[in-house]
Amino acid sequence: MENIKAMNATTKRRLMQLACVAAWSNMEVVDAERDAVLAIAHDIDLGEGDLELVKRWLREGPPDFDPYDVPHTHRKAFLEVFTRVVAADGRIDPEESEAIRLIRELVS
């Protein structure tokens, strides 16, 4: 995966918002998905304030995400993170599969 640590704070926040969208894609956040999102937040050195925001999104659901806000140079990383979170529990439900397809279309 590209160096996502080098992303600016706004892009990291968008990445984490999409990761939370992935966790909620089948309307149920399981521990493995939550752990994957938090691991990504740790991997990219997310700031403490943004980490608290991510934890709230995992509890309550993230705000609407516009995939057209994904910087073109980071689209591959965003898709990889989305897929990593969806697959974290070892299965991909039909709703999740459809979400991956839609995200892939929008960021390609």
N, C-alpha and C. Protein backbone atom coordinates (compact mmCIF):
# COMPACT_ATOMS: atom_id res chain seq x y z
N MET A 1 0.86 -1.18 0.00
CA MET A 1 0.00 0.00 0.00
C MET A 1 0.90 1.24 0.00
N GLU A 2 0.45 2.26 -0.71
CA GLU A 2 1.23 3.49 -0.77
C GLU A 2 1.43 4.06 0.64
N ASN A 3 2.32 4.99 0.76
CA ASN A 3 2.64 5.56 2.07
C ASN A 3 1.51 6.48 2.54
N ILE A 4 0.58 5.92 3.27
CA ILE A 4 -0.56 6.72 3.73
C ILE A 4 -0.19 7.61 4.90
N LYS A 5 0.94 7.35 5.53
CA LYS A 5 1.40 8.23 6.62
C LYS A 5 1.72 9.62 6.09
N ALA A 6 2.07 9.71 4.81
CA ALA A 6 2.45 10.99 4.22
C ALA A 6 1.24 11.85 3.84
N MET A 7 0.04 11.32 3.97
CA MET A 7 -1.16 12.10 3.65
C MET A 7 -1.30 13.26 4.63
N ASN A 8 -1.91 14.35 4.16
CA ASN A 8 -2.16 15.45 5.08
C ASN A 8 -3.32 15.08 6.01
N ALA A 9 -3.53 15.90 7.03
CA ALA A 9 -4.52 15.58 8.07
C ALA A 9 -5.94 15.45 7.50
N THR A 10 -6.29 16.30 6.57
CA THR A 10 -7.63 16.25 5.98
C THR A 10 -7.84 14.95 5.21
N THR A 11 -6.84 14.54 4.45
CA THR A 11 -6.93 13.30 3.68
C THR A 11 -6.98 12.10 4.61
N LYS A 12 -6.20 12.12 5.67
CA LYS A 12 -6.24 11.03 6.65
C LYS A 12 -7.63 10.92 7.28
N ARG A 13 -8.23 12.08 7.60
CA ARG A 13 -9.57 12.08 8.18
C ARG A 13 -10.58 11.49 7.19
N ARG A 14 -10.47 11.85 5.92
CA ARG A 14 -11.36 11.29 4.89
C ARG A 14 -11.15 9.78 4.76
N LEU A 15 -9.89 9.37 4.81
CA LEU A 15 -9.58 7.94 4.73
C LEU A 15 -10.25 7.19 5.87
N MET A 16 -10.17 7.76 7.07
CA MET A 16 -10.77 7.10 8.23
C MET A 16 -12.29 7.14 8.16
N GLN A 17 -12.84 8.19 7.59
CA GLN A 17 -14.29 8.25 7.40
C GLN A 17 -14.73 7.13 6.48
N LEU A 18 -13.98 6.92 5.39
CA LEU A 18 -14.31 5.83 4.47
C LEU A 18 -14.13 4.47 5.15
N ALA A 19 -13.12 4.34 6.00
CA ALA A 19 -12.92 3.08 6.73
C ALA A 19 -14.14 2.81 7.62
N CYS A 20 -14.68 3.84 8.23
CA CYS A 20 -15.88 3.67 9.06
C CYS A 20 -17.11 3.36 8.21
N VAL A 21 -17.19 3.95 7.03
CA VAL A 21 -18.27 3.60 6.09
C VAL A 21 -18.18 2.12 5.77
N ALA A 22 -16.96 1.62 5.54
CA ALA A 22 -16.77 0.20 5.25
C ALA A 22 -17.24 -0.66 6.42
N ALA A 23 -16.88 -0.26 7.63
CA ALA A 23 -17.28 -1.02 8.81
C ALA A 23 -18.80 -1.08 8.94
N TRP A 24 -19.47 -0.01 8.56
CA TRP A 24 -20.93 0.07 8.66
C TRP A 24 -21.65 -0.42 7.40
N SER A 25 -20.93 -0.89 6.38
CA SER A 25 -21.54 -1.18 5.08
C SER A 25 -22.64 -2.24 5.13
N ASN A 26 -22.61 -3.12 6.11
CA ASN A 26 -23.71 -4.09 6.24
C ASN A 26 -24.56 -3.78 7.48
N MET A 27 -24.44 -2.55 7.97
CA MET A 27 -25.23 -2.03 9.09
C MET A 27 -24.90 -2.68 10.44
N GLU A 28 -23.78 -3.36 10.51
CA GLU A 28 -23.34 -3.98 11.77
C GLU A 28 -21.83 -3.93 11.84
N VAL A 29 -21.32 -3.28 12.87
CA VAL A 29 -19.87 -3.21 13.06
C VAL A 29 -19.48 -4.31 14.03
N VAL A 30 -18.67 -5.26 13.54
CA VAL A 30 -18.20 -6.34 14.40
C VAL A 30 -16.81 -5.98 14.93
N ASP A 31 -16.40 -6.70 15.96
CA ASP A 31 -15.12 -6.39 16.60
C ASP A 31 -13.95 -6.40 15.62
N ALA A 32 -13.91 -7.35 14.71
CA ALA A 32 -12.79 -7.44 13.76
C ALA A 32 -12.73 -6.20 12.87
N GLU A 33 -13.88 -5.69 12.47
CA GLU A 33 -13.91 -4.47 11.65
C GLU A 33 -13.48 -3.26 12.47
N ARG A 34 -13.98 -3.17 13.69
CA ARG A 34 -13.59 -2.08 14.60
C ARG A 34 -12.07 -2.12 14.83
N ASP A 35 -11.55 -3.30 15.08
CA ASP A 35 -10.11 -3.44 15.31
C ASP A 35 -9.31 -3.04 14.06
N ALA A 36 -9.81 -3.40 12.88
CA ALA A 36 -9.12 -3.05 11.63
C ALA A 36 -9.09 -1.53 11.45
N VAL A 37 -10.21 -0.88 11.72
CA VAL A 37 -10.27 0.58 11.59
C VAL A 37 -9.29 1.24 12.56
N LEU A 38 -9.29 0.79 13.80
CA LEU A 38 -8.39 1.38 14.80
C LEU A 38 -6.93 1.08 14.50
N ALA A 39 -6.64 -0.08 13.92
CA ALA A 39 -5.27 -0.40 13.52
C ALA A 39 -4.81 0.53 12.40
N ILE A 40 -5.69 0.81 11.45
CA ILE A 40 -5.35 1.74 10.37
C ILE A 40 -5.09 3.13 10.95
N ALA A 41 -5.95 3.56 11.87
CA ALA A 41 -5.76 4.86 12.52
C ALA A 41 -4.39 4.93 13.19
N HIS A 42 -4.01 3.85 13.84
CA HIS A 42 -2.69 3.78 14.48
C HIS A 42 -1.58 3.80 13.43
N ASP A 43 -1.76 3.02 12.37
CA ASP A 43 -0.74 2.93 11.31
C ASP A 43 -0.44 4.27 10.66
N ILE A 44 -1.45 5.12 10.54
CA ILE A 44 -1.25 6.41 9.86
C ILE A 44 -0.96 7.55 10.85
N ASP A 45 -0.75 7.19 12.11
CA ASP A 45 -0.45 8.20 13.14
C ASP A 45 -1.53 9.28 13.19
N LEU A 46 -2.77 8.83 13.26
CA LEU A 46 -3.89 9.76 13.32
C LEU A 46 -3.83 10.56 14.62
N GLY A 47 -4.10 11.84 14.55
CA GLY A 47 -4.07 12.69 15.74
C GLY A 47 -5.13 12.27 16.75
N GLU A 48 -4.91 12.62 18.01
CA GLU A 48 -5.80 12.21 19.10
C GLU A 48 -7.23 12.70 18.89
N GLY A 49 -7.41 13.94 18.48
CA GLY A 49 -8.75 14.46 18.23
C GLY A 49 -9.47 13.70 17.13
N ASP A 50 -8.75 13.40 16.06
CA ASP A 50 -9.34 12.64 14.96
C ASP A 50 -9.61 11.20 15.38
N LEU A 51 -8.77 10.64 16.23
CA LEU A 51 -9.00 9.28 16.72
C LEU A 51 -10.30 9.22 17.52
N GLU A 52 -10.56 10.21 18.33
CA GLU A 52 -11.83 10.25 19.08
C GLU A 52 -13.01 10.36 18.13
N LEU A 53 -12.84 11.11 17.06
CA LEU A 53 -13.88 11.23 16.04
C LEU A 53 -14.15 9.88 15.39
N VAL A 54 -13.10 9.16 15.07
CA VAL A 54 -13.24 7.82 14.47
C VAL A 54 -13.96 6.88 15.42
N LYS A 55 -13.61 6.93 16.69
CA LYS A 55 -14.28 6.07 17.67
C LYS A 55 -15.77 6.38 17.75
N ARG A 56 -16.12 7.66 17.64
CA ARG A 56 -17.54 8.04 17.63
C ARG A 56 -18.22 7.53 16.37
N TRP A 57 -17.55 7.64 15.22
CA TRP A 57 -18.12 7.13 13.97
C TRP A 57 -18.34 5.63 14.04
N LEU A 58 -17.45 4.92 14.73
CA LEU A 58 -17.63 3.47 14.87
C LEU A 58 -18.84 3.15 15.74
N ARG A 59 -19.12 3.99 16.72
CA ARG A 59 -20.28 3.78 17.59
C ARG A 59 -21.58 4.22 16.93
N GLU A 60 -21.56 5.38 16.31
CA GLU A 60 -22.79 6.02 15.85
C GLU A 60 -22.97 6.03 14.34
N GLY A 61 -21.95 5.68 13.60
CA GLY A 61 -21.98 5.76 12.15
C GLY A 61 -21.35 7.05 11.67
N PRO A 62 -20.65 6.99 10.55
CA PRO A 62 -19.98 8.18 10.02
C PRO A 62 -20.95 9.06 9.25
N PRO A 63 -20.56 10.32 9.03
CA PRO A 63 -21.39 11.17 8.17
C PRO A 63 -21.31 10.68 6.73
N ASP A 64 -22.19 11.18 5.90
CA ASP A 64 -22.16 10.80 4.48
C ASP A 64 -20.77 11.05 3.91
N PHE A 65 -20.35 10.14 3.05
CA PHE A 65 -19.03 10.23 2.44
C PHE A 65 -19.19 10.42 0.94
N ASP A 66 -18.54 11.42 0.40
CA ASP A 66 -18.56 11.66 -1.04
C ASP A 66 -17.26 11.13 -1.63
N PRO A 67 -17.32 10.01 -2.35
CA PRO A 67 -16.09 9.44 -2.90
C PRO A 67 -15.38 10.37 -3.88
N TYR A 68 -16.09 11.35 -4.40
CA TYR A 68 -15.45 12.30 -5.30
C TYR A 68 -14.51 13.24 -4.55
N ASP A 69 -14.56 13.22 -3.21
CA ASP A 69 -13.63 14.00 -2.40
C ASP A 69 -12.29 13.30 -2.22
N VAL A 70 -12.19 12.06 -2.68
CA VAL A 70 -10.93 11.32 -2.54
C VAL A 70 -9.92 11.90 -3.53
N PRO A 71 -8.78 12.35 -3.02
CA PRO A 71 -7.75 12.87 -3.94
C PRO A 71 -7.34 11.78 -4.93
N HIS A 72 -7.26 12.16 -6.18
CA HIS A 72 -6.97 11.19 -7.24
C HIS A 72 -5.71 10.39 -6.95
N THR A 73 -4.71 11.04 -6.39
CA THR A 73 -3.43 10.36 -6.12
C THR A 73 -3.53 9.31 -5.03
N HIS A 74 -4.61 9.32 -4.25
CA HIS A 74 -4.75 8.37 -3.14
C HIS A 74 -5.90 7.38 -3.34
N ARG A 75 -6.49 7.34 -4.51
CA ARG A 75 -7.67 6.49 -4.72
C ARG A 75 -7.38 5.01 -4.48
N LYS A 76 -6.23 4.55 -4.90
CA LYS A 76 -5.89 3.14 -4.70
C LYS A 76 -5.80 2.82 -3.20
N ALA A 77 -5.19 3.70 -2.43
CA ALA A 77 -5.07 3.48 -0.99
C ALA A 77 -6.43 3.48 -0.32
N PHE A 78 -7.32 4.37 -0.74
CA PHE A 78 -8.67 4.42 -0.16
C PHE A 78 -9.41 3.11 -0.44
N LEU A 79 -9.31 2.61 -1.68
CA LEU A 79 -9.97 1.35 -2.02
C LEU A 79 -9.38 0.20 -1.22
N GLU A 80 -8.06 0.17 -1.05
CA GLU A 80 -7.41 -0.88 -0.28
C GLU A 80 -7.86 -0.86 1.18
N VAL A 81 -7.97 0.33 1.76
CA VAL A 81 -8.42 0.44 3.15
C VAL A 81 -9.87 -0.02 3.27
N PHE A 82 -10.71 0.41 2.35
CA PHE A 82 -12.12 0.00 2.37
C PHE A 82 -12.23 -1.52 2.34
N THR A 83 -11.51 -2.15 1.42
CA THR A 83 -11.56 -3.60 1.27
C THR A 83 -10.99 -4.30 2.50
N ARG A 84 -9.92 -3.75 3.07
CA ARG A 84 -9.31 -4.34 4.28
C ARG A 84 -10.30 -4.37 5.43
N VAL A 85 -11.04 -3.30 5.62
CA VAL A 85 -12.00 -3.24 6.73
C VAL A 85 -13.17 -4.19 6.48
N VAL A 86 -13.70 -4.18 5.27
CA VAL A 86 -14.85 -5.04 4.95
C VAL A 86 -14.49 -6.52 5.14
N ALA A 87 -13.28 -6.89 4.77
CA ALA A 87 -12.87 -8.30 4.84
C ALA A 87 -12.30 -8.69 6.21
N ALA A 88 -12.23 -7.76 7.13
CA ALA A 88 -11.58 -8.01 8.42
C ALA A 88 -12.19 -9.15 9.21
N ASP A 89 -13.49 -9.38 9.06
CA ASP A 89 -14.14 -10.44 9.83
C ASP A 89 -14.10 -11.79 9.12
N GLY A 90 -13.39 -11.86 8.00
CA GLY A 90 -13.21 -13.13 7.30
C GLY A 90 -14.32 -13.48 6.32
N ARG A 91 -15.29 -12.59 6.16
CA ARG A 91 -16.35 -12.84 5.18
C ARG A 91 -16.78 -11.51 4.59
N ILE A 92 -17.32 -11.60 3.39
CA ILE A 92 -17.84 -10.41 2.73
C ILE A 92 -19.29 -10.68 2.38
N ASP A 93 -20.19 -10.00 3.09
CA ASP A 93 -21.63 -10.15 2.86
C ASP A 93 -22.01 -9.52 1.52
N PRO A 94 -23.18 -9.88 0.97
CA PRO A 94 -23.61 -9.28 -0.29
C PRO A 94 -23.64 -7.75 -0.25
N GLU A 95 -24.09 -7.17 0.86
CA GLU A 95 -24.12 -5.71 0.98
C GLU A 95 -22.71 -5.14 0.90
N GLU A 96 -21.77 -5.82 1.54
CA GLU A 96 -20.38 -5.37 1.54
C GLU A 96 -19.76 -5.52 0.15
N SER A 97 -20.08 -6.62 -0.51
CA SER A 97 -19.59 -6.84 -1.86
C SER A 97 -20.06 -5.75 -2.80
N GLU A 98 -21.32 -5.38 -2.67
CA GLU A 98 -21.88 -4.30 -3.48
C GLU A 98 -21.21 -2.98 -3.15
N ALA A 99 -20.95 -2.73 -1.88
CA ALA A 99 -20.28 -1.50 -1.47
C ALA A 99 -18.87 -1.43 -2.06
N ILE A 100 -18.15 -2.54 -2.05
CA ILE A 100 -16.81 -2.58 -2.65
C ILE A 100 -16.89 -2.25 -4.14
N ARG A 101 -17.86 -2.84 -4.81
CA ARG A 101 -18.03 -2.61 -6.25
C ARG A 101 -18.29 -1.12 -6.52
N LEU A 102 -19.17 -0.53 -5.73
CA LEU A 102 -19.50 0.88 -5.92
C LEU A 102 -18.29 1.78 -5.66
N ILE A 103 -17.58 1.52 -4.59
CA ILE A 103 -16.41 2.32 -4.27
C ILE A 103 -15.36 2.16 -5.37
N ARG A 104 -15.17 0.92 -5.82
CA ARG A 104 -14.18 0.67 -6.89
C ARG A 104 -14.55 1.48 -8.13
N GLU A 105 -15.82 1.49 -8.49
CA GLU A 105 -16.27 2.26 -9.66
C GLU A 105 -16.03 3.74 -9.47
N LEU A 106 -16.33 4.24 -8.29
CA LEU A 106 -16.25 5.67 -8.05
C LEU A 106 -14.83 6.19 -7.95
N VAL A 107 -13.92 5.37 -7.49
CA VAL A 107 -12.55 5.85 -7.34
C VAL A 107 -11.63 5.42 -8.48
N SER A 108 -12.13 4.66 -9.41
CA SER A 108 -11.30 4.22 -10.54
C SER A 108 -11.19 5.29 -11.61
